[in-house]
Amino acid sequence: MLRIRREQLDALGLARREAFIDRLAEKLRRHWASECEGLDAPALRERIGDAIDRAAKYELRAEVDVARYLNITFALGPRFDEDPRYPWARAILEEEAFTPAKKVDRLCALTAEALTKKEA
């Protein structure tokens, strides 16, 4: 029987996380170029890692949900969920009746509304 030790599983998880961060960093540099301009590679990776950890706190673990959450952090700020300007964000993220995908869908819709109001 094949046995995988906990350390091996942890190493696999870390490698998967690092690959995900690499993919996200590449996309962010393309789609959020001006926001990424002042961030060197380690700073961008740290910001992405922080967003991944914050998303997980709200049960957002699927890559698509985390990527969308990360986009919101670039639109509203890295700690938008604690920002008093966006009280709706934390309420959505903590809503137990919502699936992770529903949380992100609502966040995206309200983020778009907030940005539209900000531009007006």
PDB file of N, CA and C in Angstrom:
ATOM      1  N   MET A   1       0.841  -1.167   0.000  1.00  0.00           N
ATOM      2  CA  MET A   1       0.000   0.000   0.000  1.00  0.00           C
ATOM      3  C   MET A   1       0.897   1.245   0.000  1.00  0.00           C
ATOM      4  N   LEU A   2       0.497   2.228  -0.772  1.00  0.00           N
ATOM      5  CA  LEU A   2       1.216   3.497  -0.856  1.00  0.00           C
ATOM      6  C   LEU A   2       0.759   4.417   0.263  1.00  0.00           C
ATOM      7  N   ARG A   3       1.704   4.984   0.974  1.00  0.00           N
ATOM      8  CA  ARG A   3       1.384   5.929   2.053  1.00  0.00           C
ATOM      9  C   ARG A   3       2.030   7.265   1.744  1.00  0.00           C
ATOM     10  N   ILE A   4       1.244   8.294   1.912  1.00  0.00           N
ATOM     11  CA  ILE A   4       1.758   9.648   1.714  1.00  0.00           C
ATOM     12  C   ILE A   4       1.793  10.319   3.072  1.00  0.00           C
ATOM     13  N   ARG A   5       2.971  10.772   3.447  1.00  0.00           N
ATOM     14  CA  ARG A   5       3.126  11.434   4.739  1.00  0.00           C
ATOM     15  C   ARG A   5       2.535  12.841   4.682  1.00  0.00           C
ATOM     16  N   ARG A   6       2.189  13.358   5.844  1.00  0.00           N
ATOM     17  CA  ARG A   6       1.611  14.710   5.966  1.00  0.00           C
ATOM     18  C   ARG A   6       2.545  15.756   5.356  1.00  0.00           C
ATOM     19  N   GLU A   7       3.843  15.593   5.552  1.00  0.00           N
ATOM     20  CA  GLU A   7       4.817  16.546   5.001  1.00  0.00           C
ATOM     21  C   GLU A   7       4.758  16.558   3.474  1.00  0.00           C
ATOM     22  N   GLN A   8       4.554  15.394   2.880  1.00  0.00           N
ATOM     23  CA  GLN A   8       4.459  15.310   1.430  1.00  0.00           C
ATOM     24  C   GLN A   8       3.193  16.015   0.935  1.00  0.00           C
ATOM     25  N   LEU A   9       2.083  15.789   1.643  1.00  0.00           N
ATOM     26  CA  LEU A   9       0.840  16.472   1.274  1.00  0.00           C
ATOM     27  C   LEU A   9       0.997  17.982   1.401  1.00  0.00           C
ATOM     28  N   ASP A  10       1.630  18.422   2.478  1.00  0.00           N
ATOM     29  CA  ASP A  10       1.854  19.859   2.672  1.00  0.00           C
ATOM     30  C   ASP A  10       2.710  20.433   1.551  1.00  0.00           C
ATOM     31  N   ALA A  11       3.741  19.705   1.150  1.00  0.00           N
ATOM     32  CA  ALA A  11       4.612  20.165   0.069  1.00  0.00           C
ATOM     33  C   ALA A  11       3.844  20.261  -1.246  1.00  0.00           C
ATOM     34  N   LEU A  12       2.982  19.302  -1.499  1.00  0.00           N
ATOM     35  CA  LEU A  12       2.162  19.346  -2.718  1.00  0.00           C
ATOM     36  C   LEU A  12       1.222  20.542  -2.686  1.00  0.00           C
ATOM     37  N   GLY A  13       0.620  20.794  -1.527  1.00  0.00           N
ATOM     38  CA  GLY A  13      -0.275  21.940  -1.379  1.00  0.00           C
ATOM     39  C   GLY A  13       0.455  23.247  -1.588  1.00  0.00           C
ATOM     40  N   LEU A  14       1.656  23.356  -1.045  1.00  0.00           N
ATOM     41  CA  LEU A  14       2.456  24.570  -1.199  1.00  0.00           C
ATOM     42  C   LEU A  14       2.840  24.783  -2.661  1.00  0.00           C
ATOM     43  N   ALA A  15       3.224  23.726  -3.345  1.00  0.00           N
ATOM     44  CA  ALA A  15       3.580  23.844  -4.764  1.00  0.00           C
ATOM     45  C   ALA A  15       2.374  24.290  -5.586  1.00  0.00           C
ATOM     46  N   ARG A  16       1.214  23.756  -5.276  1.00  0.00           N
ATOM     47  CA  ARG A  16      -0.010  24.142  -5.989  1.00  0.00           C
ATOM     48  C   ARG A  16      -0.336  25.613  -5.727  1.00  0.00           C
ATOM     49  N   ARG A  17      -0.184  26.049  -4.484  1.00  0.00           N
ATOM     50  CA  ARG A  17      -0.436  27.450  -4.130  1.00  0.00           C
ATOM     51  C   ARG A  17       0.528  28.369  -4.879  1.00  0.00           C
ATOM     52  N   GLU A  18       1.800  28.010  -4.903  1.00  0.00           N
ATOM     53  CA  GLU A  18       2.800  28.844  -5.581  1.00  0.00           C
ATOM     54  C   GLU A  18       2.508  28.952  -7.080  1.00  0.00           C
ATOM     55  N   ALA A  19       2.091  27.860  -7.690  1.00  0.00           N
ATOM     56  CA  ALA A  19       1.738  27.889  -9.118  1.00  0.00           C
ATOM     57  C   ALA A  19       0.518  28.782  -9.345  1.00  0.00           C
ATOM     58  N   PHE A  20      -0.448  28.716  -8.447  1.00  0.00           N
ATOM     59  CA  PHE A  20      -1.643  29.565  -8.544  1.00  0.00           C
ATOM     60  C   PHE A  20      -1.253  31.033  -8.410  1.00  0.00           C
ATOM     61  N   ILE A  21      -0.390  31.343  -7.452  1.00  0.00           N
ATOM     62  CA  ILE A  21       0.077  32.721  -7.285  1.00  0.00           C
ATOM     63  C   ILE A  21       0.786  33.202  -8.537  1.00  0.00           C
ATOM     64  N   ASP A  22       1.592  32.347  -9.145  1.00  0.00           N
ATOM     65  CA  ASP A  22       2.278  32.718 -10.393  1.00  0.00           C
ATOM     66  C   ASP A  22       1.273  33.078 -11.489  1.00  0.00           C
ATOM     67  N   ARG A  23       0.250  32.254 -11.639  1.00  0.00           N
ATOM     68  CA  ARG A  23      -0.769  32.517 -12.677  1.00  0.00           C
ATOM     69  C   ARG A  23      -1.511  33.817 -12.393  1.00  0.00           C
ATOM     70  N   LEU A  24      -1.862  34.027 -11.131  1.00  0.00           N
ATOM     71  CA  LEU A  24      -2.580  35.255 -10.764  1.00  0.00           C
ATOM     72  C   LEU A  24      -1.711  36.486 -10.977  1.00  0.00           C
ATOM     73  N   ALA A  25      -0.447  36.404 -10.630  1.00  0.00           N
ATOM     74  CA  ALA A  25       0.460  37.549 -10.794  1.00  0.00           C
ATOM     75  C   ALA A  25       0.548  37.954 -12.261  1.00  0.00           C
ATOM     76  N   GLU A  26       0.636  36.975 -13.122  1.00  0.00           N
ATOM     77  CA  GLU A  26       0.706  37.258 -14.567  1.00  0.00           C
ATOM     78  C   GLU A  26      -0.567  37.964 -15.044  1.00  0.00           C
ATOM     79  N   LYS A  27      -1.709  37.467 -14.618  1.00  0.00           N
ATOM     80  CA  LYS A  27      -2.981  38.081 -15.026  1.00  0.00           C
ATOM     81  C   LYS A  27      -3.139  39.476 -14.446  1.00  0.00           C
ATOM     82  N   LEU A  28      -2.751  39.650 -13.195  1.00  0.00           N
ATOM     83  CA  LEU A  28      -2.873  40.971 -12.564  1.00  0.00           C
ATOM     84  C   LEU A  28      -1.997  41.999 -13.260  1.00  0.00           C
ATOM     85  N   ARG A  29      -0.797  41.625 -13.623  1.00  0.00           N
ATOM     86  CA  ARG A  29       0.103  42.555 -14.318  1.00  0.00           C
ATOM     87  C   ARG A  29      -0.508  43.009 -15.646  1.00  0.00           C
ATOM     88  N   ARG A  30      -1.279  42.127 -16.278  1.00  0.00           N
ATOM     89  CA  ARG A  30      -1.935  42.488 -17.546  1.00  0.00           C
ATOM     90  C   ARG A  30      -3.174  43.339 -17.327  1.00  0.00           C
ATOM     91  N   HIS A  31      -4.041  42.925 -16.405  1.00  0.00           N
ATOM     92  CA  HIS A  31      -5.357  43.556 -16.248  1.00  0.00           C
ATOM     93  C   HIS A  31      -5.396  44.697 -15.241  1.00  0.00           C
ATOM     94  N   TRP A  32      -4.439  44.759 -14.350  1.00  0.00           N
ATOM     95  CA  TRP A  32      -4.356  45.827 -13.356  1.00  0.00           C
ATOM     96  C   TRP A  32      -2.964  46.464 -13.427  1.00  0.00           C
ATOM     97  N   ALA A  33      -2.537  46.755 -14.639  1.00  0.00           N
ATOM     98  CA  ALA A  33      -1.162  47.226 -14.873  1.00  0.00           C
ATOM     99  C   ALA A  33      -0.798  48.446 -14.037  1.00  0.00           C
ATOM    100  N   SER A  34      -1.650  49.450 -14.026  1.00  0.00           N
ATOM    101  CA  SER A  34      -1.296  50.668 -13.292  1.00  0.00           C
ATOM    102  C   SER A  34      -1.258  50.415 -11.782  1.00  0.00           C
ATOM    103  N   GLU A  35      -2.134  49.556 -11.271  1.00  0.00           N
ATOM    104  CA  GLU A  35      -2.156  49.243  -9.851  1.00  0.00           C
ATOM    105  C   GLU A  35      -0.957  48.382  -9.450  1.00  0.00           C
ATOM    106  N   CYS A  36      -0.453  47.599 -10.379  1.00  0.00           N
ATOM    107  CA  CYS A  36       0.691  46.725 -10.110  1.00  0.00           C
ATOM    108  C   CYS A  36       2.027  47.421 -10.352  1.00  0.00           C
ATOM    109  N   GLU A  37       1.987  48.560 -10.999  1.00  0.00           N
ATOM    110  CA  GLU A  37       3.210  49.248 -11.407  1.00  0.00           C
ATOM    111  C   GLU A  37       4.198  49.454 -10.261  1.00  0.00           C
ATOM    112  N   GLY A  38       3.716  49.843  -9.100  1.00  0.00           N
ATOM    113  CA  GLY A  38       4.599  50.112  -7.971  1.00  0.00           C
ATOM    114  C   GLY A  38       4.958  48.885  -7.145  1.00  0.00           C
ATOM    115  N   LEU A  39       4.494  47.724  -7.555  1.00  0.00           N
ATOM    116  CA  LEU A  39       4.751  46.500  -6.799  1.00  0.00           C
ATOM    117  C   LEU A  39       5.809  45.649  -7.482  1.00  0.00           C
ATOM    118  N   ASP A  40       6.902  45.353  -6.775  1.00  0.00           N
ATOM    119  CA  ASP A  40       7.862  44.417  -7.347  1.00  0.00           C
ATOM    120  C   ASP A  40       7.288  43.002  -7.194  1.00  0.00           C
ATOM    121  N   ALA A  41       7.958  42.022  -7.754  1.00  0.00           N
ATOM    122  CA  ALA A  41       7.434  40.654  -7.758  1.00  0.00           C
ATOM    123  C   ALA A  41       7.154  40.124  -6.345  1.00  0.00           C
ATOM    124  N   PRO A  42       8.071  40.281  -5.387  1.00  0.00           N
ATOM    125  CA  PRO A  42       7.766  39.770  -4.046  1.00  0.00           C
ATOM    126  C   PRO A  42       6.571  40.481  -3.393  1.00  0.00           C
ATOM    127  N   ALA A  43       6.452  41.784  -3.596  1.00  0.00           N
ATOM    128  CA  ALA A  43       5.331  42.520  -3.008  1.00  0.00           C
ATOM    129  C   ALA A  43       4.004  42.078  -3.623  1.00  0.00           C
ATOM    130  N   LEU A  44       3.995  41.858  -4.929  1.00  0.00           N
ATOM    131  CA  LEU A  44       2.774  41.396  -5.590  1.00  0.00           C
ATOM    132  C   LEU A  44       2.411  39.999  -5.099  1.00  0.00           C
ATOM    133  N   ARG A  45       3.396  39.121  -4.985  1.00  0.00           N
ATOM    134  CA  ARG A  45       3.139  37.768  -4.502  1.00  0.00           C
ATOM    135  C   ARG A  45       2.603  37.802  -3.062  1.00  0.00           C
ATOM    136  N   GLU A  46       3.139  38.702  -2.258  1.00  0.00           N
ATOM    137  CA  GLU A  46       2.665  38.831  -0.877  1.00  0.00           C
ATOM    138  C   GLU A  46       1.216  39.307  -0.849  1.00  0.00           C
ATOM    139  N   ARG A  47       0.900  40.270  -1.697  1.00  0.00           N
ATOM    140  CA  ARG A  47      -0.478  40.773  -1.747  1.00  0.00           C
ATOM    141  C   ARG A  47      -1.437  39.676  -2.202  1.00  0.00           C
ATOM    142  N   ILE A  48      -1.012  38.904  -3.175  1.00  0.00           N
ATOM    143  CA  ILE A  48      -1.849  37.795  -3.652  1.00  0.00           C
ATOM    144  C   ILE A  48      -2.019  36.755  -2.549  1.00  0.00           C
ATOM    145  N   GLY A  49      -0.929  36.403  -1.884  1.00  0.00           N
ATOM    146  CA  GLY A  49      -1.003  35.425  -0.798  1.00  0.00           C
ATOM    147  C   GLY A  49      -1.924  35.879   0.320  1.00  0.00           C
ATOM    148  N   ASP A  50      -1.838  37.165   0.653  1.00  0.00           N
ATOM    149  CA  ASP A  50      -2.722  37.716   1.679  1.00  0.00           C
ATOM    150  C   ASP A  50      -4.185  37.603   1.242  1.00  0.00           C
ATOM    151  N   ALA A  51      -4.462  37.921  -0.016  1.00  0.00           N
ATOM    152  CA  ALA A  51      -5.843  37.831  -0.523  1.00  0.00           C
ATOM    153  C   ALA A  51      -6.334  36.388  -0.503  1.00  0.00           C
ATOM    154  N   ILE A  52      -5.475  35.444  -0.849  1.00  0.00           N
ATOM    155  CA  ILE A  52      -5.857  34.023  -0.812  1.00  0.00           C
ATOM    156  C   ILE A  52      -6.229  33.630   0.616  1.00  0.00           C
ATOM    157  N   ASP A  53      -5.416  34.051   1.574  1.00  0.00           N
ATOM    158  CA  ASP A  53      -5.681  33.718   2.977  1.00  0.00           C
ATOM    159  C   ASP A  53      -6.968  34.379   3.470  1.00  0.00           C
ATOM    160  N   ARG A  54      -7.185  35.631   3.092  1.00  0.00           N
ATOM    161  CA  ARG A  54      -8.399  36.337   3.510  1.00  0.00           C
ATOM    162  C   ARG A  54      -9.631  35.698   2.877  1.00  0.00           C
ATOM    163  N   ALA A  55      -9.528  35.312   1.622  1.00  0.00           N
ATOM    164  CA  ALA A  55     -10.646  34.654   0.939  1.00  0.00           C
ATOM    165  C   ALA A  55     -10.990  33.331   1.631  1.00  0.00           C
ATOM    166  N   ALA A  56      -9.977  32.586   2.005  1.00  0.00           N
ATOM    167  CA  ALA A  56     -10.202  31.297   2.675  1.00  0.00           C
ATOM    168  C   ALA A  56     -10.933  31.482   3.996  1.00  0.00           C
ATOM    169  N   LYS A  57     -10.673  32.592   4.659  1.00  0.00           N
ATOM    170  CA  LYS A  57     -11.350  32.889   5.926  1.00  0.00           C
ATOM    171  C   LYS A  57     -12.871  32.950   5.719  1.00  0.00           C
ATOM    172  N   TYR A  58     -13.286  33.296   4.515  1.00  0.00           N
ATOM    173  CA  TYR A  58     -14.717  33.394   4.185  1.00  0.00           C
ATOM    174  C   TYR A  58     -15.202  32.191   3.374  1.00  0.00           C
ATOM    175  N   GLU A  59     -14.437  31.105   3.440  1.00  0.00           N
ATOM    176  CA  GLU A  59     -14.795  29.854   2.751  1.00  0.00           C
ATOM    177  C   GLU A  59     -14.672  29.941   1.230  1.00  0.00           C
ATOM    178  N   LEU A  60     -13.932  30.897   0.715  1.00  0.00           N
ATOM    179  CA  LEU A  60     -13.690  31.013  -0.726  1.00  0.00           C
ATOM    180  C   LEU A  60     -12.391  30.277  -1.019  1.00  0.00           C
ATOM    181  N   ARG A  61     -12.510  29.106  -1.643  1.00  0.00           N
ATOM    182  CA  ARG A  61     -11.322  28.287  -1.886  1.00  0.00           C
ATOM    183  C   ARG A  61     -11.166  27.875  -3.345  1.00  0.00           C
ATOM    184  N   ALA A  62     -12.252  27.863  -4.098  1.00  0.00           N
ATOM    185  CA  ALA A  62     -12.146  27.515  -5.520  1.00  0.00           C
ATOM    186  C   ALA A  62     -11.335  28.597  -6.225  1.00  0.00           C
ATOM    187  N   GLU A  63     -10.478  28.189  -7.124  1.00  0.00           N
ATOM    188  CA  GLU A  63      -9.592  29.149  -7.785  1.00  0.00           C
ATOM    189  C   GLU A  63     -10.356  30.285  -8.447  1.00  0.00           C
ATOM    190  N   VAL A  64     -11.463  29.996  -9.082  1.00  0.00           N
ATOM    191  CA  VAL A  64     -12.235  31.035  -9.757  1.00  0.00           C
ATOM    192  C   VAL A  64     -12.777  32.054  -8.746  1.00  0.00           C
ATOM    193  N   ASP A  65     -13.238  31.580  -7.602  1.00  0.00           N
ATOM    194  CA  ASP A  65     -13.754  32.486  -6.576  1.00  0.00           C
ATOM    195  C   ASP A  65     -12.633  33.337  -5.981  1.00  0.00           C
ATOM    196  N   VAL A  66     -11.496  32.725  -5.738  1.00  0.00           N
ATOM    197  CA  VAL A  66     -10.353  33.451  -5.179  1.00  0.00           C
ATOM    198  C   VAL A  66      -9.844  34.494  -6.177  1.00  0.00           C
ATOM    199  N   ALA A  67      -9.806  34.134  -7.446  1.00  0.00           N
ATOM    200  CA  ALA A  67      -9.351  35.086  -8.468  1.00  0.00           C
ATOM    201  C   ALA A  67     -10.290  36.289  -8.541  1.00  0.00           C
ATOM    202  N   ARG A  68     -11.574  36.046  -8.460  1.00  0.00           N
ATOM    203  CA  ARG A  68     -12.533  37.156  -8.482  1.00  0.00           C
ATOM    204  C   ARG A  68     -12.415  38.007  -7.218  1.00  0.00           C
ATOM    205  N   TYR A  69     -12.216  37.357  -6.073  1.00  0.00           N
ATOM    206  CA  TYR A  69     -12.001  38.074  -4.816  1.00  0.00           C
ATOM    207  C   TYR A  69     -10.764  38.969  -4.943  1.00  0.00           C
ATOM    208  N   LEU A  70      -9.715  38.439  -5.534  1.00  0.00           N
ATOM    209  CA  LEU A  70      -8.488  39.207  -5.712  1.00  0.00           C
ATOM    210  C   LEU A  70      -8.730  40.433  -6.588  1.00  0.00           C
ATOM    211  N   ASN A  71      -9.509  40.285  -7.640  1.00  0.00           N
ATOM    212  CA  ASN A  71      -9.855  41.436  -8.479  1.00  0.00           C
ATOM    213  C   ASN A  71     -10.566  42.513  -7.659  1.00  0.00           C
ATOM    214  N   ILE A  72     -11.428  42.094  -6.754  1.00  0.00           N
ATOM    215  CA  ILE A  72     -12.130  43.058  -5.911  1.00  0.00           C
ATOM    216  C   ILE A  72     -11.142  43.791  -5.014  1.00  0.00           C
ATOM    217  N   THR A  73     -10.111  43.076  -4.537  1.00  0.00           N
ATOM    218  CA  THR A  73      -9.112  43.747  -3.699  1.00  0.00           C
ATOM    219  C   THR A  73      -8.363  44.824  -4.478  1.00  0.00           C
ATOM    220  N   PHE A  74      -8.214  44.631  -5.766  1.00  0.00           N
ATOM    221  CA  PHE A  74      -7.559  45.655  -6.576  1.00  0.00           C
ATOM    222  C   PHE A  74      -8.516  46.801  -6.894  1.00  0.00           C
ATOM    223  N   ALA A  75      -9.791  46.516  -6.945  1.00  0.00           N
ATOM    224  CA  ALA A  75     -10.782  47.560  -7.219  1.00  0.00           C
ATOM    225  C   ALA A  75     -11.080  48.407  -5.990  1.00  0.00           C
ATOM    226  N   LEU A  76     -11.191  47.764  -4.812  1.00  0.00           N
ATOM    227  CA  LEU A  76     -11.619  48.471  -3.605  1.00  0.00           C
ATOM    228  C   LEU A  76     -10.527  48.650  -2.557  1.00  0.00           C
ATOM    229  N   GLY A  77      -9.505  47.858  -2.627  1.00  0.00           N
ATOM    230  CA  GLY A  77      -8.428  47.912  -1.641  1.00  0.00           C
ATOM    231  C   GLY A  77      -8.208  46.546  -1.027  1.00  0.00           C
ATOM    232  N   PRO A  78      -6.963  46.282  -0.587  1.00  0.00           N
ATOM    233  CA  PRO A  78      -6.623  44.937  -0.110  1.00  0.00           C
ATOM    234  C   PRO A  78      -7.419  44.475   1.104  1.00  0.00           C
ATOM    235  N   ARG A  79      -7.899  45.371   1.902  1.00  0.00           N
ATOM    236  CA  ARG A  79      -8.688  44.994   3.079  1.00  0.00           C
ATOM    237  C   ARG A  79     -10.099  45.597   2.981  1.00  0.00           C
ATOM    238  N   PHE A  80     -10.659  45.484   1.809  1.00  0.00           N
ATOM    239  CA  PHE A  80     -11.994  46.050   1.569  1.00  0.00           C
ATOM    240  C   PHE A  80     -13.029  45.495   2.526  1.00  0.00           C
ATOM    241  N   ASP A  81     -12.822  44.257   2.976  1.00  0.00           N
ATOM    242  CA  ASP A  81     -13.783  43.619   3.872  1.00  0.00           C
ATOM    243  C   ASP A  81     -13.802  44.254   5.264  1.00  0.00           C
ATOM    244  N   GLU A  82     -12.808  45.082   5.580  1.00  0.00           N
ATOM    245  CA  GLU A  82     -12.760  45.792   6.857  1.00  0.00           C
ATOM    246  C   GLU A  82     -12.983  47.294   6.682  1.00  0.00           C
ATOM    247  N   ASP A  83     -13.154  47.728   5.452  1.00  0.00           N
ATOM    248  CA  ASP A  83     -13.267  49.154   5.142  1.00  0.00           C
ATOM    249  C   ASP A  83     -14.675  49.657   5.466  1.00  0.00           C
ATOM    250  N   PRO A  84     -14.796  50.693   6.307  1.00  0.00           N
ATOM    251  CA  PRO A  84     -16.127  51.210   6.661  1.00  0.00           C
ATOM    252  C   PRO A  84     -16.895  51.797   5.472  1.00  0.00           C
ATOM    253  N   ARG A  85     -16.207  52.071   4.369  1.00  0.00           N
ATOM    254  CA  ARG A  85     -16.909  52.553   3.170  1.00  0.00           C
ATOM    255  C   ARG A  85     -17.709  51.451   2.490  1.00  0.00           C
ATOM    256  N   TYR A  86     -17.379  50.195   2.799  1.00  0.00           N
ATOM    257  CA  TYR A  86     -18.039  49.058   2.149  1.00  0.00           C
ATOM    258  C   TYR A  86     -18.585  48.071   3.188  1.00  0.00           C
ATOM    259  N   PRO A  87     -19.515  48.512   4.030  1.00  0.00           N
ATOM    260  CA  PRO A  87     -20.034  47.610   5.075  1.00  0.00           C
ATOM    261  C   PRO A  87     -20.742  46.390   4.488  1.00  0.00           C
ATOM    262  N   TRP A  88     -21.252  46.527   3.294  1.00  0.00           N
ATOM    263  CA  TRP A  88     -21.941  45.431   2.634  1.00  0.00           C
ATOM    264  C   TRP A  88     -20.982  44.272   2.312  1.00  0.00           C
ATOM    265  N   ALA A  89     -19.714  44.566   2.138  1.00  0.00           N
ATOM    266  CA  ALA A  89     -18.760  43.522   1.760  1.00  0.00           C
ATOM    267  C   ALA A  89     -18.628  42.461   2.851  1.00  0.00           C
ATOM    268  N   ARG A  90     -18.391  42.891   4.065  1.00  0.00           N
ATOM    269  CA  ARG A  90     -18.244  41.926   5.159  1.00  0.00           C
ATOM    270  C   ARG A  90     -19.558  41.182   5.394  1.00  0.00           C
ATOM    271  N   ALA A  91     -20.671  41.893   5.295  1.00  0.00           N
ATOM    272  CA  ALA A  91     -21.971  41.243   5.497  1.00  0.00           C
ATOM    273  C   ALA A  91     -22.171  40.105   4.491  1.00  0.00           C
ATOM    274  N   ILE A  92     -21.805  40.357   3.252  1.00  0.00           N
ATOM    275  CA  ILE A  92     -21.931  39.319   2.217  1.00  0.00           C
ATOM    276  C   ILE A  92     -20.985  38.163   2.516  1.00  0.00           C
ATOM    277  N   LEU A  93     -19.742  38.484   2.810  1.00  0.00           N
ATOM    278  CA  LEU A  93     -18.742  37.447   3.041  1.00  0.00           C
ATOM    279  C   LEU A  93     -19.063  36.575   4.254  1.00  0.00           C
ATOM    280  N   GLU A  94     -19.740  37.137   5.235  1.00  0.00           N
ATOM    281  CA  GLU A  94     -20.070  36.370   6.440  1.00  0.00           C
ATOM    282  C   GLU A  94     -21.447  35.715   6.386  1.00  0.00           C
ATOM    283  N   GLU A  95     -22.179  35.935   5.296  1.00  0.00           N
ATOM    284  CA  GLU A  95     -23.526  35.366   5.163  1.00  0.00           C
ATOM    285  C   GLU A  95     -23.423  33.849   4.958  1.00  0.00           C
ATOM    286  N   GLU A  96     -23.834  33.107   5.961  1.00  0.00           N
ATOM    287  CA  GLU A  96     -23.726  31.649   5.910  1.00  0.00           C
ATOM    288  C   GLU A  96     -24.686  31.004   4.922  1.00  0.00           C
ATOM    289  N   ALA A  97     -25.756  31.696   4.576  1.00  0.00           N
ATOM    290  CA  ALA A  97     -26.729  31.126   3.641  1.00  0.00           C
ATOM    291  C   ALA A  97     -26.233  31.159   2.189  1.00  0.00           C
ATOM    292  N   PHE A  98     -25.206  31.954   1.923  1.00  0.00           N
ATOM    293  CA  PHE A  98     -24.678  32.081   0.561  1.00  0.00           C
ATOM    294  C   PHE A  98     -23.587  31.037   0.309  1.00  0.00           C
ATOM    295  N   THR A  99     -23.620  30.473  -0.889  1.00  0.00           N
ATOM    296  CA  THR A  99     -22.507  29.630  -1.314  1.00  0.00           C
ATOM    297  C   THR A  99     -21.319  30.543  -1.610  1.00  0.00           C
ATOM    298  N   PRO A 100     -20.118  30.001  -1.681  1.00  0.00           N
ATOM    299  CA  PRO A 100     -18.981  30.846  -2.035  1.00  0.00           C
ATOM    300  C   PRO A 100     -19.175  31.574  -3.378  1.00  0.00           C
ATOM    301  N   ALA A 101     -19.700  30.876  -4.359  1.00  0.00           N
ATOM    302  CA  ALA A 101     -19.920  31.510  -5.661  1.00  0.00           C
ATOM    303  C   ALA A 101     -20.932  32.650  -5.560  1.00  0.00           C
ATOM    304  N   LYS A 102     -21.975  32.458  -4.768  1.00  0.00           N
ATOM    305  CA  LYS A 102     -22.986  33.504  -4.577  1.00  0.00           C
ATOM    306  C   LYS A 102     -22.374  34.717  -3.877  1.00  0.00           C
ATOM    307  N   LYS A 103     -21.516  34.476  -2.895  1.00  0.00           N
ATOM    308  CA  LYS A 103     -20.838  35.585  -2.219  1.00  0.00           C
ATOM    309  C   LYS A 103     -20.055  36.427  -3.224  1.00  0.00           C
ATOM    310  N   VAL A 104     -19.289  35.749  -4.058  1.00  0.00           N
ATOM    311  CA  VAL A 104     -18.453  36.470  -5.024  1.00  0.00           C
ATOM    312  C   VAL A 104     -19.313  37.166  -6.072  1.00  0.00           C
ATOM    313  N   ASP A 105     -20.382  36.529  -6.512  1.00  0.00           N
ATOM    314  CA  ASP A 105     -21.289  37.176  -7.476  1.00  0.00           C
ATOM    315  C   ASP A 105     -21.853  38.469  -6.902  1.00  0.00           C
ATOM    316  N   ARG A 106     -22.325  38.415  -5.655  1.00  0.00           N
ATOM    317  CA  ARG A 106     -22.884  39.621  -5.013  1.00  0.00           C
ATOM    318  C   ARG A 106     -21.806  40.688  -4.828  1.00  0.00           C
ATOM    319  N   LEU A 107     -20.633  40.272  -4.393  1.00  0.00           N
ATOM    320  CA  LEU A 107     -19.536  41.229  -4.216  1.00  0.00           C
ATOM    321  C   LEU A 107     -19.190  41.927  -5.533  1.00  0.00           C
ATOM    322  N   CYS A 108     -19.122  41.160  -6.595  1.00  0.00           N
ATOM    323  CA  CYS A 108     -18.784  41.739  -7.903  1.00  0.00           C
ATOM    324  C   CYS A 108     -19.843  42.745  -8.340  1.00  0.00           C
ATOM    325  N   ALA A 109     -21.101  42.398  -8.165  1.00  0.00           N
ATOM    326  CA  ALA A 109     -22.184  43.302  -8.562  1.00  0.00           C
ATOM    327  C   ALA A 109     -22.137  44.597  -7.754  1.00  0.00           C
ATOM    328  N   LEU A 110     -21.969  44.492  -6.450  1.00  0.00           N
ATOM    329  CA  LEU A 110     -21.947  45.686  -5.610  1.00  0.00           C
ATOM    330  C   LEU A 110     -20.652  46.479  -5.780  1.00  0.00           C
ATOM    331  N   THR A 111     -19.573  45.813  -6.098  1.00  0.00           N
ATOM    332  CA  THR A 111     -18.313  46.512  -6.391  1.00  0.00           C
ATOM    333  C   THR A 111     -18.482  47.350  -7.650  1.00  0.00           C
ATOM    334  N   ALA A 112     -19.105  46.780  -8.658  1.00  0.00           N
ATOM    335  CA  ALA A 112     -19.358  47.540  -9.896  1.00  0.00           C
ATOM    336  C   ALA A 112     -20.209  48.768  -9.601  1.00  0.00           C
ATOM    337  N   GLU A 113     -21.231  48.609  -8.782  1.00  0.00           N
ATOM    338  CA  GLU A 113     -22.084  49.738  -8.407  1.00  0.00           C
ATOM    339  C   GLU A 113     -21.273  50.793  -7.641  1.00  0.00           C
ATOM    340  N   ALA A 114     -20.457  50.356  -6.709  1.00  0.00           N
ATOM    341  CA  ALA A 114     -19.650  51.289  -5.915  1.00  0.00           C
ATOM    342  C   ALA A 114     -18.675  52.067  -6.795  1.00  0.00           C
ATOM    343  N   LEU A 115     -18.078  51.388  -7.758  1.00  0.00           N
ATOM    344  CA  LEU A 115     -17.129  52.066  -8.649  1.00  0.00           C
ATOM    345  C   LEU A 115     -17.847  53.044  -9.576  1.00  0.00           C
ATOM    346  N   THR A 116     -19.046  52.684 -10.007  1.00  0.00           N
ATOM    347  CA  THR A 116     -19.841  53.593 -10.854  1.00  0.00           C
ATOM    348  C   THR A 116     -20.194  54.851 -10.087  1.00  0.00           C
ATOM    349  N   LYS A 117     -20.604  54.703  -8.837  1.00  0.00           N
ATOM    350  CA  LYS A 117     -20.933  55.872  -7.999  1.00  0.00           C
ATOM    351  C   LYS A 117     -19.696  56.724  -7.744  1.00  0.00           C
ATOM    352  N   LYS A 118     -18.566  56.077  -7.552  1.00  0.00           N
ATOM    353  CA  LYS A 118     -17.310  56.778  -7.278  1.00  0.00           C
ATOM    354  C   LYS A 118     -16.903  57.636  -8.469  1.00  0.00           C
ATOM    355  N   GLU A 119     -17.138  57.133  -9.678  1.00  0.00           N
ATOM    356  CA  GLU A 119     -16.764  57.849 -10.903  1.00  0.00           C
ATOM    357  C   GLU A 119     -17.712  58.997 -11.195  1.00  0.00           C
ATOM    358  N   ALA A 120     -18.948  58.927 -10.693  1.00  0.00           N
ATOM    359  CA  ALA A 120     -19.959  59.942 -10.998  1.00  0.00           C
ATOM    360  C   ALA A 120     -19.728  61.225 -10.232  1.00  0.00           C
TER     361      ALA A 120
END
